[in-house]
Amino acid sequence: MPSARVTSLALRGMEQHFGRDGIDVLQVAQHYGLPDDLWVSHEQTISLKQFVRLLEGLGDLALLPDRTWQAGLHYNIAELGETGKLICSCKTLGDALLALRDFFNLLQSDAYLSVQINEQHTTVGYKILNTEIWPRRRDAEFTLGLVQGIVQRFVAPQSYPCSVILEDYSDASRLLSQTLHFPCHAGGDTNQFRFPTALLNTKQPISLAPAEHPTQSLRQRLQQQLAQKHRTTPLTDRVRCCILRHLGNSDIDQAHIAQALGMSERTLRRKLAEEGHAFQEILDACRMQSAALNLEHSQLTQTEIALKTGFSEQSSFIRAFNKWFGETPTQYQRRIRSTMPSIHTTPSD
């Protein structure tokens, strides 16, 4: 699986924030293999795996359980390059969140951020698609904290009801509920921040809004950058991310993925073949990687995992898993969980 990347701008302010707990952020970063010049040089991309490990390490050392969330909440969104400038120039909360959604992949690869709106609630969802990156709870807390920070550019803190869902199954949700003072739940398919849809039309206070709103020119430049990134990203990687994003939510076949990527099935087959891959090969790998992740870290039963990974019957899932890994899901789960501290009980078959 290719290396996922994230902008180094996400590190801005962490020295000061975690320094409140006496943590030497530079020393911790060195421990996880991050170069020293990240803190003083211009924007560059760094390994998402290293970034997530850094957040996990800082969170473990922090004195307060919500310190990583607070790092996102108080992050200066204007530091996020042109994407941050566009968000800050938006006149309404809804426009700001849609700007974050539209250009999130310029900030981070192998992940997605969604904005789902209904009459009562708006839900911002976030998830790392790279199944090799785990644990990743602190990254989710940082990102959702950043989303809440955008909301609070437009809406006064503590003046609106909100709730959080984390994909992590640890006690983190209970601890966050106690410190953040709003409901936090565990075990979601994605990490989510939910608030009333009525807030979307809230305008940015004049004191925070920039003197000018160059949203059109900024958006055009970002669209060009996004198009360039798509052109230079191997189609195999784009197909894999598209599959992992929709796995379990809908029937996935070559026609659906081709349509999502804006090309014909024939073009999809041809371009994948040029890269030495076939669609079914990528789909099978995504299913098995997702299944393995859920067997290792979730409390789902094997029947639920089978459905979540696109199998209509558990027996078909077991056969496919055995063929891929050389052992049954039960054997795999017991072997993996016997080698790591576990907070789970093994679900029945």
Protein backbone atom coordinates (compact mmCIF):
# COMPACT_ATOMS: atom_id res chain seq x y z
CA MET A 1 0.00 0.00 0.00
CA PRO A 2 1.44 3.42 -0.92
CA SER A 3 2.56 5.88 1.73
CA ALA A 4 -0.23 8.24 2.80
CA ARG A 5 0.81 11.86 3.26
CA VAL A 6 -0.30 14.89 5.25
CA THR A 7 0.73 18.54 5.09
CA SER A 8 3.39 19.60 7.57
CA LEU A 9 1.26 22.71 8.26
CA ALA A 10 -0.84 20.52 10.57
CA LEU A 11 2.05 20.63 13.03
CA ARG A 12 1.82 24.40 13.52
CA GLY A 13 1.26 25.38 17.12
CA MET A 14 1.79 21.92 18.62
CA GLU A 15 4.99 22.92 20.39
CA GLN A 16 3.15 25.57 22.37
CA HIS A 17 -0.01 23.55 22.90
CA PHE A 18 1.57 20.36 24.26
CA GLY A 19 4.35 22.35 25.88
CA ARG A 20 1.77 23.36 28.50
CA ASP A 21 2.12 19.83 29.85
CA GLY A 22 5.90 20.05 29.85
CA ILE A 23 6.19 17.90 26.73
CA ASP A 24 9.19 18.43 24.45
CA VAL A 25 7.36 18.05 21.13
CA LEU A 26 10.57 18.19 19.06
CA GLN A 27 12.05 15.32 21.03
CA VAL A 28 8.89 13.23 20.64
CA ALA A 29 8.83 14.02 16.92
CA GLN A 30 12.44 12.88 16.57
CA HIS A 31 11.51 9.64 18.30
CA TYR A 32 8.96 8.98 15.54
CA GLY A 33 11.39 9.83 12.77
CA LEU A 34 10.17 13.31 11.83
CA PRO A 35 12.90 15.72 10.64
CA ASP A 36 13.75 18.85 12.63
CA ASP A 37 13.22 21.24 9.73
CA LEU A 38 9.48 20.54 9.67
CA TRP A 39 9.00 23.18 12.35
CA VAL A 40 10.82 26.01 10.61
CA SER A 41 10.68 25.31 6.88
CA HIS A 42 8.02 25.95 4.24
CA GLU A 43 5.12 23.58 3.67
CA GLN A 44 5.97 20.00 2.74
CA THR A 45 4.25 16.65 3.02
CA ILE A 46 5.11 14.08 5.66
CA SER A 47 4.15 10.48 6.27
CA LEU A 48 0.59 10.24 7.60
CA LYS A 49 1.62 7.18 9.59
CA GLN A 50 4.36 9.17 11.35
CA PHE A 51 1.99 12.08 11.97
CA VAL A 52 -0.63 9.79 13.51
CA ARG A 53 1.99 8.05 15.66
CA LEU A 54 3.21 11.47 16.83
CA LEU A 55 -0.32 12.45 17.89
CA GLU A 56 -0.73 9.14 19.71
CA GLY A 57 2.56 9.68 21.52
CA LEU A 58 1.74 13.27 22.48
CA GLY A 59 -1.72 12.24 23.64
CA ASP A 60 -0.26 9.50 25.85
CA LEU A 61 2.09 12.01 27.48
CA ALA A 62 -0.51 14.76 27.93
CA LEU A 63 -1.93 15.47 31.36
CA LEU A 64 -5.52 15.92 30.12
CA PRO A 65 -7.49 13.34 28.09
CA ASP A 66 -8.82 15.97 25.68
CA ARG A 67 -5.47 17.65 24.96
CA THR A 68 -5.31 16.36 21.35
CA TRP A 69 -8.90 17.48 20.72
CA GLN A 70 -8.03 20.90 22.12
CA ALA A 71 -5.00 21.06 19.79
CA GLY A 72 -7.39 20.80 16.84
CA LEU A 73 -9.97 23.11 18.41
CA HIS A 74 -7.46 25.92 18.92
CA TYR A 75 -5.51 25.35 15.70
CA ASN A 76 -5.24 28.54 13.65
CA ILE A 77 -7.09 27.50 10.51
CA ALA A 78 -5.40 30.30 8.55
CA GLU A 79 -2.15 28.31 8.87
CA LEU A 80 -3.51 25.64 6.48
CA GLY A 81 -2.12 27.31 3.39
CA GLU A 82 -4.52 28.40 0.68
CA THR A 83 -7.13 25.91 1.88
CA GLY A 84 -7.10 27.62 5.26
CA LYS A 85 -7.31 31.04 3.64
CA LEU A 86 -10.35 29.95 1.64
CA ILE A 87 -12.08 28.62 4.77
CA CYS A 88 -11.37 31.88 6.62
CA SER A 89 -12.74 33.93 3.72
CA CYS A 90 -16.10 32.10 3.61
CA LYS A 91 -19.07 34.18 4.67
CA THR A 92 -21.12 31.37 6.24
CA LEU A 93 -20.39 28.28 8.30
CA GLY A 94 -21.87 26.06 5.60
CA ASP A 95 -19.55 27.49 2.96
CA ALA A 96 -16.54 27.05 5.24
CA LEU A 97 -17.25 23.37 5.94
CA LEU A 98 -17.89 22.64 2.27
CA ALA A 99 -14.57 24.30 1.42
CA LEU A 100 -12.82 22.01 3.92
CA ARG A 101 -14.58 19.00 2.38
CA ASP A 102 -13.87 19.96 -1.22
CA PHE A 103 -10.13 20.46 -0.74
CA PHE A 104 -9.35 18.14 2.15
CA ASN A 105 -7.37 15.81 -0.11
CA LEU A 106 -4.90 18.62 -0.72
CA LEU A 107 -4.12 18.49 2.99
CA GLN A 108 -4.12 14.73 3.50
CA SER A 109 -4.19 11.65 1.30
CA ASP A 110 -5.73 8.24 1.98
CA ALA A 111 -8.55 9.81 4.00
CA TYR A 112 -11.85 11.50 3.38
CA LEU A 113 -13.94 14.17 5.01
CA SER A 114 -17.67 14.35 4.30
CA VAL A 115 -20.48 16.76 5.14
CA GLN A 116 -23.95 15.23 5.34
CA ILE A 117 -26.89 17.59 5.78
CA ASN A 118 -30.50 16.86 6.68
CA GLU A 119 -33.24 19.07 8.05
CA GLN A 120 -32.21 18.71 11.68
CA HIS A 121 -28.54 17.78 11.84
CA THR A 122 -25.32 18.26 9.92
CA THR A 123 -22.70 15.55 10.33
CA VAL A 124 -19.05 16.03 9.42
CA GLY A 125 -17.46 12.60 8.96
CA TYR A 126 -13.76 11.79 8.85
CA LYS A 127 -11.83 8.57 8.38
CA ILE A 128 -8.35 7.42 7.41
CA LEU A 129 -8.72 4.92 4.59
CA ASN A 130 -5.27 3.38 4.95
CA THR A 131 -5.96 0.18 6.92
CA GLU A 132 -2.31 -0.11 7.99
CA ILE A 133 -2.56 2.99 10.19
CA TRP A 134 -3.75 2.02 13.68
CA PRO A 135 -4.18 3.16 16.41
CA ARG A 136 -5.48 6.48 15.10
CA ARG A 137 -7.87 7.81 17.71
CA ARG A 138 -5.83 10.92 18.53
CA ASP A 139 -5.76 11.85 14.85
CA ALA A 140 -9.56 11.63 14.77
CA GLU A 141 -9.79 13.78 17.90
CA PHE A 142 -7.45 16.39 16.39
CA THR A 143 -9.40 16.51 13.11
CA LEU A 144 -12.84 16.68 14.71
CA GLY A 145 -11.50 19.28 17.14
CA LEU A 146 -10.40 21.31 14.13
CA VAL A 147 -13.92 20.97 12.68
CA GLN A 148 -15.39 22.23 15.94
CA GLY A 149 -12.92 25.11 15.80
CA ILE A 150 -14.30 26.10 12.38
CA VAL A 151 -17.84 25.94 13.78
CA GLN A 152 -16.81 28.22 16.62
CA ARG A 153 -15.49 30.84 14.21
CA PHE A 154 -19.16 31.41 13.43
CA VAL A 155 -21.04 30.28 16.55
CA ALA A 156 -20.32 31.11 20.18
CA PRO A 157 -18.95 28.16 22.21
CA GLN A 158 -21.40 26.32 24.46
CA SER A 159 -24.35 27.91 22.63
CA TYR A 160 -25.33 24.89 20.54
CA PRO A 161 -25.85 21.15 21.11
CA CYS A 162 -23.37 18.80 19.48
CA SER A 163 -22.23 15.18 19.71
CA VAL A 164 -19.32 13.01 18.61
CA ILE A 165 -18.86 9.44 17.41
CA LEU A 166 -15.42 7.81 17.26
CA GLU A 167 -14.55 4.62 15.40
CA ASP A 168 -12.27 3.69 18.30
CA TYR A 169 -13.62 1.16 20.84
CA SER A 170 -11.61 2.27 23.87
CA ASP A 171 -12.77 4.32 26.85
CA ALA A 172 -11.79 7.51 25.03
CA SER A 173 -15.38 8.45 24.26
CA ARG A 174 -16.35 8.33 27.94
CA LEU A 175 -13.33 10.42 28.96
CA LEU A 176 -14.01 12.96 26.21
CA SER A 177 -17.64 13.26 27.29
CA GLN A 178 -16.48 14.15 30.77
CA THR A 179 -13.99 16.80 29.66
CA LEU A 180 -15.72 18.26 26.60
CA HIS A 181 -19.18 18.22 28.21
CA PHE A 182 -21.11 16.87 25.24
CA PRO A 183 -22.02 13.29 24.26
CA CYS A 184 -19.24 11.15 22.77
CA HIS A 185 -19.89 7.60 21.59
CA ALA A 186 -17.62 4.76 20.44
CA GLY A 187 -17.72 2.19 17.67
CA GLY A 188 -18.82 4.20 14.64
CA ASP A 189 -18.03 3.33 11.03
CA THR A 190 -16.50 6.80 10.79
CA ASN A 191 -15.53 9.57 13.17
CA GLN A 192 -18.31 12.15 13.29
CA PHE A 193 -19.06 15.61 14.66
CA ARG A 194 -22.78 16.50 14.63
CA PHE A 195 -24.51 19.82 15.24
CA PRO A 196 -27.81 21.55 14.26
CA THR A 197 -28.24 22.26 10.56
CA ALA A 198 -29.79 25.62 11.42
CA LEU A 199 -26.26 26.89 12.18
CA LEU A 200 -25.05 26.50 8.59
CA ASN A 201 -26.34 29.91 7.52
CA THR A 202 -24.58 31.69 10.40
CA LYS A 203 -22.34 34.47 9.11
CA GLN A 204 -18.77 34.96 10.25
CA PRO A 205 -18.35 37.79 12.77
CA ILE A 206 -16.94 40.95 11.22
CA SER A 207 -14.07 40.87 13.71
CA LEU A 208 -12.84 37.54 12.27
CA ALA A 209 -13.67 38.01 8.61
CA PRO A 210 -10.81 39.18 6.35
CA ALA A 211 -11.03 42.61 4.78
CA GLU A 212 -11.59 41.02 1.39
CA HIS A 213 -13.21 37.76 0.32
CA PRO A 214 -11.11 36.48 -2.62
CA THR A 215 -12.99 33.21 -2.56
CA GLN A 216 -13.36 32.84 -6.31
CA SER A 217 -9.67 33.19 -7.17
CA LEU A 218 -8.65 31.03 -4.21
CA ARG A 219 -11.12 28.33 -5.17
CA GLN A 220 -9.93 28.33 -8.77
CA ARG A 221 -6.29 27.89 -7.70
CA LEU A 222 -7.24 25.07 -5.33
CA GLN A 223 -9.30 23.35 -8.02
CA GLN A 224 -6.28 23.46 -10.31
CA GLN A 225 -4.08 22.00 -7.57
CA LEU A 226 -6.62 19.24 -6.90
CA ALA A 227 -6.87 18.40 -10.61
CA GLN A 228 -3.07 18.22 -10.80
CA LYS A 229 -2.96 15.92 -7.78
CA HIS A 230 -5.53 13.60 -9.39
CA ARG A 231 -3.52 13.51 -12.62
CA THR A 232 -0.33 12.52 -10.80
CA THR A 233 -1.94 9.99 -8.43
CA PRO A 234 -1.89 6.43 -9.83
CA LEU A 235 -5.36 5.24 -10.79
CA THR A 236 -4.83 2.12 -8.68
CA ASP A 237 -4.56 4.32 -5.57
CA ARG A 238 -7.65 6.34 -6.50
CA VAL A 239 -9.68 3.17 -7.09
CA ARG A 240 -8.53 1.70 -3.78
CA CYS A 241 -9.52 4.81 -1.83
CA CYS A 242 -12.87 4.98 -3.59
CA ILE A 243 -13.60 1.34 -2.73
CA LEU A 244 -12.58 1.72 0.92
CA ARG A 245 -14.70 4.85 1.26
CA HIS A 246 -17.87 3.14 0.03
CA LEU A 247 -17.25 -0.39 1.30
CA GLY A 248 -20.23 -1.58 3.32
CA ASN A 249 -22.42 1.40 2.41
CA SER A 250 -23.46 0.25 -1.06
CA ASP A 251 -22.92 -2.45 -3.65
CA ILE A 252 -19.49 -1.92 -5.16
CA ASP A 253 -18.68 -3.01 -8.67
CA GLN A 254 -16.57 -1.76 -11.54
CA ALA A 255 -19.44 0.29 -12.99
CA HIS A 256 -20.01 2.21 -9.73
CA ILE A 257 -16.32 2.98 -9.23
CA ALA A 258 -15.84 4.05 -12.86
CA GLN A 259 -18.79 6.42 -12.55
CA ALA A 260 -17.46 7.83 -9.26
CA LEU A 261 -14.10 8.50 -10.92
CA GLY A 262 -15.68 10.07 -13.99
CA MET A 263 -14.70 7.53 -16.62
CA SER A 264 -16.15 4.59 -18.54
CA GLU A 265 -15.68 0.98 -17.43
CA ARG A 266 -13.60 0.35 -20.53
CA THR A 267 -11.27 3.23 -19.74
CA LEU A 268 -11.01 2.08 -16.11
CA ARG A 269 -10.06 -1.46 -17.16
CA ARG A 270 -7.53 -0.22 -19.71
CA LYS A 271 -5.80 2.25 -17.38
CA LEU A 272 -5.64 -0.26 -14.52
CA ALA A 273 -4.14 -2.82 -16.89
CA GLU A 274 -1.50 -0.27 -17.90
CA GLU A 275 -0.55 -0.06 -14.21
CA GLY A 276 -0.46 -3.85 -13.95
CA HIS A 277 -3.66 -4.32 -11.96
CA ALA A 278 -7.24 -5.49 -12.36
CA PHE A 279 -10.32 -4.14 -10.61
CA GLN A 280 -11.27 -7.43 -8.94
CA GLU A 281 -7.76 -7.78 -7.52
CA ILE A 282 -7.99 -4.33 -5.91
CA LEU A 283 -11.52 -4.98 -4.62
CA ASP A 284 -10.51 -8.29 -3.04
CA ALA A 285 -7.50 -6.69 -1.35
CA CYS A 286 -9.63 -3.85 0.05
CA ARG A 287 -12.21 -6.30 1.39
CA MET A 288 -9.62 -8.46 3.13
CA GLN A 289 -7.65 -5.51 4.55
CA SER A 290 -10.85 -4.01 5.94
CA ALA A 291 -11.92 -7.38 7.35
CA ALA A 292 -8.57 -7.85 9.06
CA LEU A 293 -8.73 -4.37 10.59
CA ASN A 294 -12.20 -5.04 12.00
CA LEU A 295 -11.21 -8.46 13.35
CA GLU A 296 -8.26 -6.87 15.13
CA HIS A 297 -9.87 -3.77 16.59
CA SER A 298 -13.68 -3.81 16.49
CA GLN A 299 -16.34 -5.56 18.51
CA LEU A 300 -18.31 -6.58 15.42
CA THR A 301 -19.29 -10.19 14.92
CA GLN A 302 -18.01 -12.06 11.89
CA THR A 303 -21.45 -11.86 10.32
CA GLU A 304 -21.40 -8.06 10.69
CA ILE A 305 -17.86 -7.87 9.29
CA ALA A 306 -18.89 -10.03 6.33
CA LEU A 307 -21.75 -7.65 5.49
CA LYS A 308 -19.56 -4.61 6.05
CA THR A 309 -16.97 -5.89 3.57
CA GLY A 310 -19.49 -6.75 0.85
CA PHE A 311 -20.25 -10.44 1.45
CA SER A 312 -23.89 -11.47 1.52
CA GLU A 313 -23.15 -14.66 3.48
CA GLN A 314 -20.74 -15.40 6.30
CA SER A 315 -19.70 -18.69 4.70
CA SER A 316 -18.52 -16.86 1.57
CA PHE A 317 -16.59 -14.43 3.73
CA ILE A 318 -14.86 -17.24 5.66
CA ARG A 319 -13.83 -19.02 2.44
CA ALA A 320 -12.46 -15.81 0.90
CA PHE A 321 -10.61 -14.86 4.08
CA ASN A 322 -9.09 -18.34 4.44
CA LYS A 323 -7.93 -18.25 0.83
CA TRP A 324 -6.35 -14.81 1.29
CA PHE A 325 -4.70 -15.22 4.70
CA GLY A 326 -4.33 -18.99 4.96
CA GLU A 327 -6.41 -19.17 8.15
CA THR A 328 -10.02 -18.64 9.18
CA PRO A 329 -11.22 -15.30 10.59
CA THR A 330 -11.49 -16.90 14.04
CA GLN A 331 -7.93 -18.20 13.91
CA TYR A 332 -6.64 -14.86 12.66
CA GLN A 333 -8.47 -12.90 15.36
CA ARG A 334 -7.27 -15.12 18.19
CA ARG A 335 -3.67 -15.06 16.96
CA ILE A 336 -3.55 -11.28 16.53
CA ARG A 337 -5.33 -10.42 19.77
CA SER A 338 -3.16 -12.81 21.78
CA THR A 339 -0.14 -10.67 20.90
CA MET A 340 -1.48 -7.27 21.94
CA PRO A 341 -3.25 -5.70 24.95
CA SER A 342 -6.95 -6.19 24.30
CA ILE A 343 -10.03 -4.36 25.51
CA HIS A 344 -12.29 -6.65 23.54
CA THR A 345 -14.02 -9.89 24.03
CA THR A 346 -13.87 -12.13 20.98
CA PRO A 347 -17.19 -12.01 19.11
CA SER A 348 -18.82 -15.28 18.34
CA ASP A 349 -18.87 -16.68 14.82
